[in-house]
Amino acid sequence: MRISHEAIYQSLYIQGRGALKRELVWCLRTGRALRAPRERSRRTAWAHVTEETLISNRPAEVQDRAVPGHWEGDLLIGLERSAIGTVVERTSRLTMLVHLPREEGYAFKESTKRGPALSGYAAVTMKNVLTHYMSTLPEQVRKSLTWDRGKELSEHAKFTIETGIPVFFADPRSPWQRGTNENTNGLLRQYFPKGTDLTRWSAADLEAVAHVLNTRPRKTLGWKTPEEVFNEQLLLLQEVRVATTG
């Protein structure tokens, strides 16, 4: 007899009337006591996702991780529309955490119709902040960025013009297409739990957490750290560039 993992999860939550017992919750890295429906939305159209940004049009070199400089990104969402941007390099697994403080004038309980979006990950704000972070990287490792379909990156065209980094969007309900980023987000939830206001952590706090992840040896990297692998790749790219121009 064969049984799917979804059936196992459902049986566990059904026994607890839709929620797990406290002693079982402590065993979960996510700490998720309630089982969310597998299919939340039937939405099939996203106006900001254009034909050229579909993941099917992404360069083939991205898939095998042989070429460094291709990134995956997403948001960790917290209470009161707080968020932290997460960007991970596919080959080295190097992680950048993007600080997204709320805009001045944000009101927790009040909203103005047709007023400016003041959360830290509104489209214009997200584009500006992400442009700043990605522009700190050497040009050789700014080849592409794969994002989920969140509207926070609806200003992707301007982002590409300002950084030179083409943006591609994963297919709907296909988190495995950004598996490196999804796995990293799972690790980050140990530091930034769900149900908390993520603006409580400063930019310095995010840098400290990113440093912990980037200096942790990984089996998949031959027990090297993401920082070591990224620096090795960058040095190699620089040597190749010198050789071709010399």
Protein backbone atom coordinates (compact mmCIF):
# COMPACT_ATOMS: atom_id res chain seq x y z
CA MET A 1 0.00 0.00 0.00
CA ARG A 2 1.24 3.49 -0.85
CA ILE A 3 0.20 6.65 0.99
CA SER A 4 1.11 10.26 0.27
CA HIS A 5 2.75 12.61 2.76
CA GLU A 6 -0.31 14.88 2.50
CA ALA A 7 -2.56 12.08 3.78
CA ILE A 8 -0.24 11.56 6.77
CA TYR A 9 -0.30 15.26 7.62
CA GLN A 10 -4.07 15.42 7.35
CA SER A 11 -4.53 12.42 9.64
CA LEU A 12 -2.31 13.96 12.32
CA TYR A 13 -4.15 17.27 12.27
CA ILE A 14 -7.60 15.66 12.11
CA GLN A 15 -6.86 13.72 15.30
CA GLY A 16 -6.18 17.04 17.00
CA ARG A 17 -9.34 18.61 15.54
CA GLY A 18 -7.41 20.69 13.06
CA ALA A 19 -4.53 21.56 15.38
CA LEU A 20 -1.59 19.67 16.81
CA LYS A 21 -1.05 19.11 20.49
CA ARG A 22 1.50 21.38 22.12
CA GLU A 23 4.06 18.62 22.63
CA LEU A 24 3.95 17.83 18.91
CA VAL A 25 4.26 21.48 17.90
CA TRP A 26 7.57 21.68 19.75
CA CYS A 27 8.89 18.95 17.44
CA LEU A 28 8.24 21.04 14.32
CA ARG A 29 10.88 23.45 13.11
CA THR A 30 8.18 25.74 11.70
CA GLY A 31 6.12 25.66 14.89
CA ARG A 32 2.97 25.58 12.77
CA ALA A 33 0.14 24.32 14.98
CA LEU A 34 -2.62 24.64 12.36
CA ARG A 35 -2.74 22.91 9.01
CA ALA A 36 -3.27 25.38 6.16
CA PRO A 37 -5.32 24.27 3.16
CA ARG A 38 -3.13 22.92 0.37
CA GLU A 39 -4.75 25.15 -2.25
CA ARG A 40 -5.43 28.64 -0.96
CA SER A 41 -6.14 30.42 -4.16
CA ARG A 42 -7.29 29.75 -7.69
CA ARG A 43 -5.85 33.00 -8.99
CA THR A 44 -4.32 32.35 -12.41
CA ALA A 45 -3.32 35.81 -13.67
CA TRP A 46 -0.69 38.23 -12.42
CA ALA A 47 -0.54 41.46 -14.40
CA HIS A 48 3.09 42.18 -13.47
CA VAL A 49 4.33 38.83 -14.82
CA THR A 50 5.13 39.34 -18.49
CA GLU A 51 6.04 36.76 -21.10
CA GLU A 52 9.76 37.47 -20.99
CA THR A 53 9.86 37.09 -17.19
CA LEU A 54 8.41 33.56 -17.11
CA ILE A 55 10.78 31.02 -15.57
CA SER A 56 10.56 28.98 -18.75
CA ASN A 57 12.53 31.77 -20.44
CA ARG A 58 15.29 31.74 -17.85
CA PRO A 59 18.75 30.80 -19.20
CA ALA A 60 19.43 27.06 -19.12
CA GLU A 61 22.71 27.63 -17.23
CA VAL A 62 20.73 28.54 -14.11
CA GLN A 63 19.39 25.04 -13.59
CA ASP A 64 22.62 23.07 -13.00
CA ARG A 65 24.20 25.66 -10.66
CA ALA A 66 27.49 25.49 -12.56
CA VAL A 67 27.55 29.24 -13.25
CA PRO A 68 27.54 31.53 -10.19
CA GLY A 69 25.60 34.77 -10.02
CA HIS A 70 22.03 33.51 -10.28
CA TRP A 71 19.87 34.37 -7.26
CA GLU A 72 16.50 33.38 -5.79
CA GLY A 73 14.42 35.70 -3.65
CA ASP A 74 11.29 35.97 -1.55
CA LEU A 75 9.87 37.60 1.57
CA LEU A 76 9.50 36.42 5.14
CA ILE A 77 6.17 37.93 6.25
CA GLY A 78 5.43 38.96 9.83
CA LEU A 79 2.72 40.77 11.76
CA GLU A 80 1.37 44.20 10.77
CA ARG A 81 2.67 43.92 7.19
CA SER A 82 6.26 43.57 8.32
CA ALA A 83 8.72 41.67 6.17
CA ILE A 84 12.35 40.70 5.59
CA GLY A 85 13.67 40.17 2.09
CA THR A 86 15.72 37.01 1.52
CA VAL A 87 18.03 36.58 -1.48
CA VAL A 88 20.12 33.43 -1.96
CA GLU A 89 22.80 32.67 -4.56
CA ARG A 90 22.05 29.29 -6.14
CA THR A 91 25.58 27.91 -6.48
CA SER A 92 27.18 28.95 -3.17
CA ARG A 93 23.97 29.30 -1.10
CA LEU A 94 25.21 32.71 0.07
CA THR A 95 22.36 34.57 1.78
CA MET A 96 21.56 38.28 1.82
CA LEU A 97 18.88 39.60 4.18
CA VAL A 98 17.12 42.77 3.06
CA HIS A 99 16.01 45.17 5.77
CA LEU A 100 12.51 46.51 5.02
CA PRO A 101 11.44 49.03 7.67
CA ARG A 102 8.01 50.61 7.34
CA GLU A 103 7.74 53.96 5.62
CA GLU A 104 7.27 57.08 7.76
CA GLY A 105 3.59 57.67 8.34
CA TYR A 106 2.56 54.01 8.48
CA ALA A 107 -0.54 53.59 10.68
CA PHE A 108 -1.15 50.24 12.36
CA LYS A 109 -4.94 50.47 12.59
CA GLU A 110 -5.79 53.16 10.09
CA SER A 111 -5.76 53.10 6.31
CA THR A 112 -6.24 55.85 3.76
CA LYS A 113 -8.07 54.93 0.59
CA ARG A 114 -5.86 55.35 -2.48
CA GLY A 115 -3.08 56.62 -0.24
CA PRO A 116 0.59 55.65 -0.73
CA ALA A 117 1.63 52.15 0.28
CA LEU A 118 3.79 52.60 3.35
CA SER A 119 4.64 49.03 4.32
CA GLY A 120 8.30 48.13 3.92
CA TYR A 121 7.63 45.88 0.94
CA ALA A 122 5.36 48.07 -1.18
CA ALA A 123 6.39 47.78 -4.84
CA VAL A 124 8.31 51.06 -5.19
CA THR A 125 9.99 50.71 -1.80
CA MET A 126 10.89 47.09 -2.53
CA LYS A 127 12.43 48.03 -5.87
CA ASN A 128 14.51 50.81 -4.34
CA VAL A 129 15.78 48.78 -1.40
CA LEU A 130 16.49 45.65 -3.43
CA THR A 131 18.32 47.75 -6.03
CA HIS A 132 20.53 49.14 -3.29
CA TYR A 133 21.39 45.70 -1.90
CA MET A 134 22.00 43.98 -5.24
CA SER A 135 24.10 46.88 -6.53
CA THR A 136 26.64 46.18 -3.80
CA LEU A 137 27.51 42.91 -5.54
CA PRO A 138 30.26 42.68 -8.18
CA GLU A 139 28.87 42.82 -11.70
CA GLN A 140 30.15 39.29 -12.46
CA VAL A 141 27.71 37.77 -9.96
CA ARG A 142 24.61 39.73 -10.97
CA LYS A 143 23.26 37.46 -13.68
CA SER A 144 19.59 36.85 -12.77
CA LEU A 145 17.02 36.89 -9.99
CA THR A 146 14.16 34.37 -9.68
CA TRP A 147 11.23 35.51 -7.48
CA ASP A 148 7.84 34.13 -6.59
CA ARG A 149 4.74 35.88 -7.95
CA GLY A 150 4.30 38.37 -5.15
CA LYS A 151 3.30 41.86 -6.27
CA GLU A 152 6.09 43.37 -4.17
CA LEU A 153 8.32 42.97 -7.22
CA SER A 154 5.88 44.43 -9.74
CA GLU A 155 8.45 47.17 -10.43
CA HIS A 156 10.80 44.52 -11.80
CA ALA A 157 11.29 46.28 -15.14
CA LYS A 158 12.74 49.37 -13.44
CA PHE A 159 14.80 47.15 -11.17
CA THR A 160 16.33 45.44 -14.22
CA ILE A 161 17.12 48.77 -15.88
CA GLU A 162 18.84 50.09 -12.75
CA THR A 163 20.80 46.94 -11.88
CA GLY A 164 21.18 45.06 -15.14
CA ILE A 165 19.72 41.97 -13.44
CA PRO A 166 16.89 40.25 -15.36
CA VAL A 167 14.01 39.03 -13.19
CA PHE A 168 12.14 35.75 -13.69
CA PHE A 169 9.01 34.62 -11.86
CA ALA A 170 8.34 31.05 -10.76
CA ASP A 171 5.18 29.29 -11.86
CA PRO A 172 2.12 29.52 -9.56
CA ARG A 173 2.22 27.24 -6.52
CA SER A 174 5.67 25.89 -7.50
CA PRO A 175 7.99 26.63 -4.56
CA TRP A 176 10.41 23.89 -5.68
CA GLN A 177 11.41 26.15 -8.57
CA ARG A 178 13.03 28.32 -5.90
CA GLY A 179 14.08 25.45 -3.70
CA THR A 180 17.32 27.01 -2.47
CA ASN A 181 15.47 30.07 -1.24
CA GLU A 182 12.61 28.06 0.28
CA ASN A 183 15.06 25.91 2.25
CA THR A 184 16.88 29.00 3.48
CA ASN A 185 13.61 30.61 4.56
CA GLY A 186 12.88 27.51 6.63
CA LEU A 187 16.21 27.93 8.42
CA LEU A 188 15.59 31.63 8.94
CA ARG A 189 12.28 31.01 10.71
CA GLN A 190 14.32 29.73 13.65
CA TYR A 191 15.59 33.30 14.05
CA PHE A 192 12.49 35.17 12.86
CA PRO A 193 9.43 33.17 14.03
CA LYS A 194 6.03 33.50 12.45
CA GLY A 195 3.58 35.65 14.38
CA THR A 196 6.15 38.34 15.23
CA ASP A 197 6.66 41.89 14.02
CA LEU A 198 9.79 41.55 11.89
CA THR A 199 10.63 45.25 12.09
CA ARG A 200 11.85 44.65 15.64
CA TRP A 201 15.15 43.45 14.12
CA SER A 202 17.53 46.09 12.82
CA ALA A 203 19.70 45.95 9.70
CA ALA A 204 22.63 45.03 11.94
CA ASP A 205 20.63 42.12 13.40
CA LEU A 206 19.91 40.83 9.89
CA GLU A 207 23.57 41.07 8.94
CA ALA A 208 24.48 39.04 12.03
CA VAL A 209 22.01 36.27 11.16
CA ALA A 210 23.15 36.21 7.53
CA HIS A 211 26.74 35.88 8.77
CA VAL A 212 25.77 32.85 10.86
CA LEU A 213 24.21 31.12 7.84
CA ASN A 214 27.03 32.10 5.48
CA THR A 215 29.72 30.74 7.78
CA ARG A 216 27.97 27.44 8.51
CA PRO A 217 29.60 24.46 6.72
CA ARG A 218 27.23 22.71 4.32
CA LYS A 219 27.33 19.07 3.33
CA THR A 220 26.12 19.95 -0.16
CA LEU A 221 29.18 22.23 -0.53
CA GLY A 222 31.66 19.57 0.56
CA TRP A 223 31.58 21.00 4.09
CA LYS A 224 32.73 24.40 2.91
CA THR A 225 30.79 27.47 3.96
CA PRO A 226 28.69 29.54 1.53
CA GLU A 227 31.05 32.45 2.13
CA GLU A 228 34.09 30.37 1.19
CA VAL A 229 32.49 29.02 -1.98
CA PHE A 230 31.21 32.45 -3.05
CA ASN A 231 34.63 34.05 -2.57
CA GLU A 232 36.31 31.22 -4.50
CA GLN A 233 33.86 31.66 -7.36
CA LEU A 234 34.33 35.42 -7.40
CA LEU A 235 38.11 35.06 -7.48
CA LEU A 236 37.88 32.59 -10.36
CA LEU A 237 35.59 34.91 -12.33
CA GLN A 238 38.00 37.79 -11.80
CA GLU A 239 40.95 35.67 -12.99
CA VAL A 240 39.05 34.65 -16.10
CA ARG A 241 38.15 38.26 -16.80
CA VAL A 242 41.78 39.35 -16.49
CA ALA A 243 42.93 36.50 -18.74
CA THR A 244 40.43 37.40 -21.48
CA THR A 245 41.24 41.12 -21.41
CA GLY A 246 44.99 40.79 -20.93
